[in-house]
N, C-alpha and C. Protein backbone atom coordinates (compact mmCIF):
# COMPACT_ATOMS: atom_id res chain seq x y z
N MET A 1 -8.99 68.00 30.32
CA MET A 1 -8.94 68.72 29.09
C MET A 1 -9.83 68.10 28.01
N ILE A 2 -10.74 67.32 28.43
CA ILE A 2 -11.68 66.77 27.46
C ILE A 2 -12.50 67.91 26.87
N LEU A 3 -12.76 67.83 25.59
CA LEU A 3 -13.49 68.89 24.90
C LEU A 3 -14.90 69.05 25.45
N ASP A 4 -15.32 70.27 25.59
CA ASP A 4 -16.66 70.60 26.09
C ASP A 4 -17.64 70.51 24.93
N HIS A 5 -18.55 69.55 24.98
CA HIS A 5 -19.46 69.31 23.85
C HIS A 5 -20.34 70.51 23.52
N ARG A 6 -20.62 71.37 24.48
CA ARG A 6 -21.47 72.54 24.20
C ARG A 6 -20.81 73.48 23.20
N LYS A 7 -19.49 73.49 23.17
CA LYS A 7 -18.77 74.41 22.29
C LYS A 7 -18.25 73.74 21.03
N THR A 8 -18.05 72.45 21.06
CA THR A 8 -17.37 71.80 19.95
C THR A 8 -18.25 70.91 19.10
N PHE A 9 -19.40 70.52 19.59
CA PHE A 9 -20.23 69.55 18.89
C PHE A 9 -20.54 70.01 17.46
N CYS A 10 -21.01 71.23 17.32
CA CYS A 10 -21.35 71.77 15.99
C CYS A 10 -20.11 72.13 15.19
N ILE A 11 -19.10 72.68 15.85
CA ILE A 11 -17.89 73.09 15.15
C ILE A 11 -17.23 71.90 14.47
N LEU A 12 -17.23 70.76 15.14
CA LEU A 12 -16.59 69.56 14.60
C LEU A 12 -17.44 68.86 13.56
N GLY A 13 -18.69 69.27 13.43
CA GLY A 13 -19.57 68.66 12.45
C GLY A 13 -20.02 67.26 12.83
N ILE A 14 -20.04 66.98 14.12
CA ILE A 14 -20.45 65.66 14.59
C ILE A 14 -21.96 65.68 14.81
N SER A 15 -22.66 64.82 14.09
CA SER A 15 -24.11 64.80 14.21
C SER A 15 -24.61 63.59 14.99
N ASN A 16 -23.71 62.74 15.39
CA ASN A 16 -24.07 61.52 16.08
C ASN A 16 -23.44 61.52 17.47
N TRP A 17 -24.24 61.32 18.51
CA TRP A 17 -23.74 61.38 19.88
C TRP A 17 -22.69 60.29 20.14
N LYS A 18 -22.89 59.09 19.59
CA LYS A 18 -21.91 58.01 19.80
C LYS A 18 -20.57 58.35 19.16
N THR A 19 -20.62 59.01 18.02
CA THR A 19 -19.39 59.44 17.36
C THR A 19 -18.67 60.45 18.24
N PHE A 20 -19.44 61.37 18.81
CA PHE A 20 -18.84 62.37 19.69
C PHE A 20 -18.21 61.71 20.91
N LEU A 21 -18.90 60.74 21.51
CA LEU A 21 -18.36 60.07 22.68
C LEU A 21 -17.06 59.34 22.33
N LYS A 22 -17.00 58.74 21.15
CA LYS A 22 -15.77 58.08 20.71
C LYS A 22 -14.65 59.10 20.53
N PHE A 23 -14.99 60.24 19.94
CA PHE A 23 -14.02 61.32 19.77
C PHE A 23 -13.50 61.76 21.13
N GLN A 24 -14.39 61.89 22.09
CA GLN A 24 -14.01 62.31 23.44
C GLN A 24 -13.11 61.25 24.10
N GLU A 25 -13.42 59.99 23.87
CA GLU A 25 -12.61 58.89 24.41
C GLU A 25 -11.19 58.94 23.85
N ILE A 26 -11.07 59.20 22.56
CA ILE A 26 -9.75 59.30 21.93
C ILE A 26 -8.99 60.50 22.49
N ALA A 27 -9.69 61.62 22.67
CA ALA A 27 -9.05 62.82 23.23
C ALA A 27 -8.54 62.55 24.64
N LYS A 28 -9.32 61.85 25.44
CA LYS A 28 -8.92 61.53 26.81
C LYS A 28 -7.72 60.58 26.81
N ALA A 29 -7.72 59.60 25.92
CA ALA A 29 -6.59 58.67 25.83
C ALA A 29 -5.31 59.41 25.44
N THR A 30 -5.44 60.36 24.53
CA THR A 30 -4.29 61.17 24.11
C THR A 30 -3.79 62.01 25.28
N GLU A 31 -4.73 62.61 26.01
CA GLU A 31 -4.37 63.41 27.19
C GLU A 31 -3.63 62.54 28.21
N ASP A 32 -4.14 61.35 28.47
CA ASP A 32 -3.51 60.44 29.43
C ASP A 32 -2.10 60.05 28.98
N PHE A 33 -1.95 59.79 27.69
CA PHE A 33 -0.64 59.42 27.14
C PHE A 33 0.37 60.54 27.37
N ILE A 34 -0.03 61.77 27.08
CA ILE A 34 0.86 62.93 27.26
C ILE A 34 1.18 63.12 28.73
N THR A 35 0.16 63.03 29.58
CA THR A 35 0.35 63.21 31.02
C THR A 35 1.31 62.16 31.58
N GLU A 36 1.14 60.91 31.18
CA GLU A 36 2.02 59.85 31.66
C GLU A 36 3.46 60.08 31.21
N GLY A 37 3.62 60.55 29.98
CA GLY A 37 4.96 60.85 29.49
C GLY A 37 5.61 61.98 30.28
N LEU A 38 4.84 63.02 30.55
CA LEU A 38 5.37 64.14 31.33
C LEU A 38 5.65 63.72 32.77
N GLU A 39 4.78 62.87 33.31
CA GLU A 39 4.99 62.38 34.67
C GLU A 39 6.30 61.59 34.76
N PHE A 40 6.55 60.78 33.74
CA PHE A 40 7.78 59.99 33.70
C PHE A 40 9.01 60.89 33.72
N TYR A 41 8.94 62.01 33.00
CA TYR A 41 10.08 62.92 32.91
C TYR A 41 10.02 64.07 33.91
N SER A 42 9.03 64.07 34.80
CA SER A 42 8.86 65.20 35.72
C SER A 42 9.99 65.32 36.73
N HIS A 43 10.80 64.29 36.87
CA HIS A 43 11.93 64.36 37.81
C HIS A 43 13.01 65.31 37.31
N THR A 44 12.99 65.66 36.04
CA THR A 44 13.95 66.63 35.52
C THR A 44 13.33 68.01 35.54
N SER A 45 14.12 69.00 35.85
CA SER A 45 13.59 70.36 35.98
C SER A 45 13.00 70.87 34.66
N LYS A 46 13.51 70.35 33.54
CA LYS A 46 13.03 70.81 32.23
C LYS A 46 11.54 70.53 32.06
N TYR A 47 11.08 69.39 32.55
CA TYR A 47 9.69 68.99 32.36
C TYR A 47 8.82 69.18 33.60
N ARG A 48 9.42 69.41 34.76
CA ARG A 48 8.66 69.51 36.00
C ARG A 48 7.62 70.63 35.94
N ASN A 49 8.01 71.81 35.49
CA ASN A 49 7.08 72.93 35.44
C ASN A 49 5.93 72.66 34.47
N LEU A 50 6.24 72.06 33.33
CA LEU A 50 5.20 71.73 32.36
C LEU A 50 4.21 70.74 32.95
N TYR A 51 4.73 69.73 33.64
CA TYR A 51 3.88 68.71 34.27
C TYR A 51 2.99 69.34 35.35
N GLU A 52 3.56 70.20 36.19
CA GLU A 52 2.79 70.85 37.25
C GLU A 52 1.72 71.77 36.66
N ASN A 53 2.07 72.50 35.61
CA ASN A 53 1.09 73.38 34.97
C ASN A 53 -0.06 72.58 34.36
N LEU A 54 0.25 71.46 33.73
CA LEU A 54 -0.79 70.61 33.16
C LEU A 54 -1.70 70.07 34.25
N ASN A 55 -1.14 69.67 35.38
CA ASN A 55 -1.97 69.19 36.49
C ASN A 55 -2.89 70.28 37.00
N ASP A 56 -2.39 71.51 37.10
CA ASP A 56 -3.23 72.63 37.53
C ASP A 56 -4.38 72.87 36.56
N ILE A 57 -4.09 72.81 35.27
CA ILE A 57 -5.12 73.02 34.26
C ILE A 57 -6.17 71.92 34.34
N GLN A 58 -5.73 70.67 34.47
CA GLN A 58 -6.66 69.55 34.56
C GLN A 58 -7.54 69.67 35.80
N THR A 59 -6.94 70.00 36.93
CA THR A 59 -7.70 70.13 38.17
C THR A 59 -8.76 71.21 38.04
N THR A 60 -8.39 72.35 37.49
CA THR A 60 -9.34 73.44 37.31
C THR A 60 -10.45 73.05 36.36
N TYR A 61 -10.10 72.44 35.23
CA TYR A 61 -11.10 72.05 34.24
C TYR A 61 -12.09 71.06 34.81
N TYR A 62 -11.59 69.99 35.42
CA TYR A 62 -12.48 68.95 35.90
C TYR A 62 -13.32 69.42 37.09
N SER A 63 -12.77 70.27 37.96
CA SER A 63 -13.55 70.75 39.10
C SER A 63 -14.66 71.69 38.64
N THR A 64 -14.42 72.51 37.63
CA THR A 64 -15.48 73.41 37.15
C THR A 64 -16.55 72.65 36.39
N HIS A 65 -16.18 71.62 35.64
CA HIS A 65 -17.18 70.88 34.87
C HIS A 65 -17.96 69.90 35.73
N GLU A 66 -17.37 69.40 36.80
CA GLU A 66 -18.11 68.54 37.72
C GLU A 66 -19.17 69.33 38.47
N ASN A 67 -18.90 70.62 38.67
CA ASN A 67 -19.85 71.48 39.38
C ASN A 67 -20.87 72.10 38.44
N GLY A 68 -20.82 71.75 37.17
CA GLY A 68 -21.79 72.26 36.21
C GLY A 68 -21.57 73.69 35.79
N ILE A 69 -20.36 74.18 35.94
CA ILE A 69 -20.07 75.56 35.55
C ILE A 69 -19.72 75.58 34.08
């Protein structure tokens, strides 16, 4: 779920590539934090579906961006 720079670079007003990379690093760290929290609670039915849906979204996002789509 890392932000796609082609769509967000101008919207966010980031004019420096290093600043953007830092922003992306923070976004990834936040994503990892949320995922780890959901993974910890995924043994309960309340959070299991949310965790599985997030994994599906991540898999789809990363597979399409790795292929240059």
